Amino acid sequence: MMAENIGGSGADKRSEDFYSLRLFIAGASPVSVRAIQNIRKICEEFLTGRYDLEIIDAHQQPLMVKNEDVTAIPMLIKKTPYPKKRLIGDFSDREKVLKGLGIRIA
């Protein structure tokens, strides 16, 4: 799997509440597949139309792994909005992921 962009359309990518996310995975391993499914569900539920999710296979993009200083996989990097954050795991703990992304539930 090469880099893949997923996200809502129609949002202004410069907006303060637009989320630019980069998910590093290792091929089609069960943990990577679970991480993709979990983060997609969270994004669609809480960030519809306000996010861009780039999925990067570490095996196919080793230079990106080095440039982003990825130390574990799967790793989600929230590039925007600031502050930049890094989350590691399969993202099955929704509350922890939402807190890490700075998403408040009403």
Protein backbone atom coordinates (compact mmCIF):
# COMPACT_ATOMS: atom_id res chain seq x y z
CA MET A 1 0.00 0.00 0.00
CA MET A 2 1.39 3.38 -0.98
CA ALA A 3 0.49 6.65 0.68
CA GLU A 4 -3.25 7.05 0.58
CA ASN A 5 -5.23 10.21 1.27
CA ILE A 6 -8.66 9.99 2.82
CA GLY A 7 -10.77 12.75 4.15
CA GLY A 8 -13.69 15.03 3.95
CA SER A 9 -14.09 17.47 1.13
CA GLY A 10 -15.31 21.00 1.25
CA ALA A 11 -13.38 22.06 4.36
CA ASP A 12 -10.84 24.84 4.24
CA LYS A 13 -7.52 23.09 4.93
CA ARG A 14 -6.16 26.28 6.50
CA SER A 15 -8.98 26.37 9.04
CA GLU A 16 -8.00 26.12 12.70
CA ASP A 17 -10.27 23.11 13.17
CA PHE A 18 -9.04 21.17 10.11
CA TYR A 19 -7.14 18.04 11.09
CA SER A 20 -4.17 16.95 9.01
CA LEU A 21 -3.30 13.40 10.08
CA ARG A 22 -0.58 11.01 8.98
CA LEU A 23 -0.85 7.33 9.93
CA PHE A 24 2.23 5.12 9.63
CA ILE A 25 1.51 1.40 9.34
CA ALA A 26 3.42 -1.81 8.51
CA GLY A 27 1.78 -3.41 5.48
CA ALA A 28 -1.43 -5.34 5.99
CA SER A 29 -0.60 -6.68 9.45
CA PRO A 30 -3.62 -7.26 11.72
CA VAL A 31 -2.58 -4.39 14.00
CA SER A 32 -2.20 -2.02 11.03
CA VAL A 33 -5.61 -3.01 9.62
CA ARG A 34 -7.23 -2.49 13.03
CA ALA A 35 -5.52 0.89 13.43
CA ILE A 36 -6.79 2.06 10.03
CA GLN A 37 -10.34 0.92 10.77
CA ASN A 38 -10.39 2.52 14.22
CA ILE A 39 -8.97 5.88 13.16
CA ARG A 40 -11.29 6.07 10.14
CA LYS A 41 -14.33 5.47 12.38
CA ILE A 42 -13.21 8.17 14.80
CA CYS A 43 -12.53 10.65 12.00
CA GLU A 44 -15.87 10.02 10.30
CA GLU A 45 -17.77 10.31 13.56
CA PHE A 46 -16.06 13.38 15.02
CA LEU A 47 -14.28 15.15 12.13
CA THR A 48 -16.53 14.66 9.10
CA GLY A 49 -15.46 17.09 6.38
CA ARG A 50 -12.68 18.51 8.56
CA TYR A 51 -9.81 16.11 8.13
CA ASP A 52 -7.24 14.68 5.77
CA LEU A 53 -5.87 11.23 6.66
CA GLU A 54 -2.72 10.12 4.90
CA ILE A 55 -1.91 6.42 5.35
CA ILE A 56 1.74 5.54 4.82
CA ASP A 57 3.17 2.04 4.66
CA ALA A 58 6.52 2.25 6.44
CA HIS A 59 7.95 -0.57 4.31
CA GLN A 60 7.29 1.37 1.10
CA GLN A 61 8.15 4.85 2.40
CA PRO A 62 11.22 4.43 4.67
CA LEU A 63 12.43 7.98 3.98
CA MET A 64 9.15 9.42 5.31
CA VAL A 65 9.52 7.23 8.41
CA LYS A 66 12.99 8.67 8.98
CA ASN A 67 11.95 12.27 8.25
CA GLU A 68 8.99 12.08 10.65
CA ASP A 69 11.11 10.31 13.29
CA VAL A 70 8.65 7.42 13.59
CA THR A 71 9.74 5.26 16.51
CA ALA A 72 6.82 2.80 16.67
CA ILE A 73 4.14 1.47 14.34
CA PRO A 74 1.26 2.08 14.03
CA MET A 75 1.81 5.77 14.76
CA LEU A 76 -0.63 8.60 14.10
CA ILE A 77 0.83 12.08 13.75
CA LYS A 78 -1.54 15.03 14.12
CA LYS A 79 0.15 17.76 12.09
CA THR A 80 -2.64 20.31 12.48
CA PRO A 81 -4.28 21.84 14.38
CA TYR A 82 -1.42 22.63 16.69
CA PRO A 83 0.10 21.42 18.90
CA LYS A 84 1.53 18.56 16.87
CA LYS A 85 0.84 15.20 18.57
CA ARG A 86 1.94 11.58 18.15
CA LEU A 87 -0.25 8.64 19.13
CA ILE A 88 0.86 5.01 19.10
CA GLY A 89 -1.22 1.83 19.03
CA ASP A 90 -4.29 0.45 17.29
CA PHE A 91 -6.53 3.35 18.47
CA SER A 92 -9.11 1.04 20.03
CA ASP A 93 -9.29 3.22 23.18
CA ARG A 94 -11.52 5.93 21.69
CA GLU A 95 -11.41 8.22 24.73
CA LYS A 96 -7.62 8.19 24.75
CA VAL A 97 -7.49 8.91 20.99
CA LEU A 98 -10.03 11.74 21.23
CA LYS A 99 -8.09 13.29 24.12
CA GLY A 100 -4.82 12.90 22.22
CA LEU A 101 -6.32 14.62 19.18
CA GLY A 102 -7.79 17.38 21.31
CA ILE A 103 -11.39 16.51 20.40
CA ARG A 104 -13.92 17.35 23.09
CA ILE A 105 -17.16 15.41 23.27
CA ALA A 106 -20.22 17.49 24.12
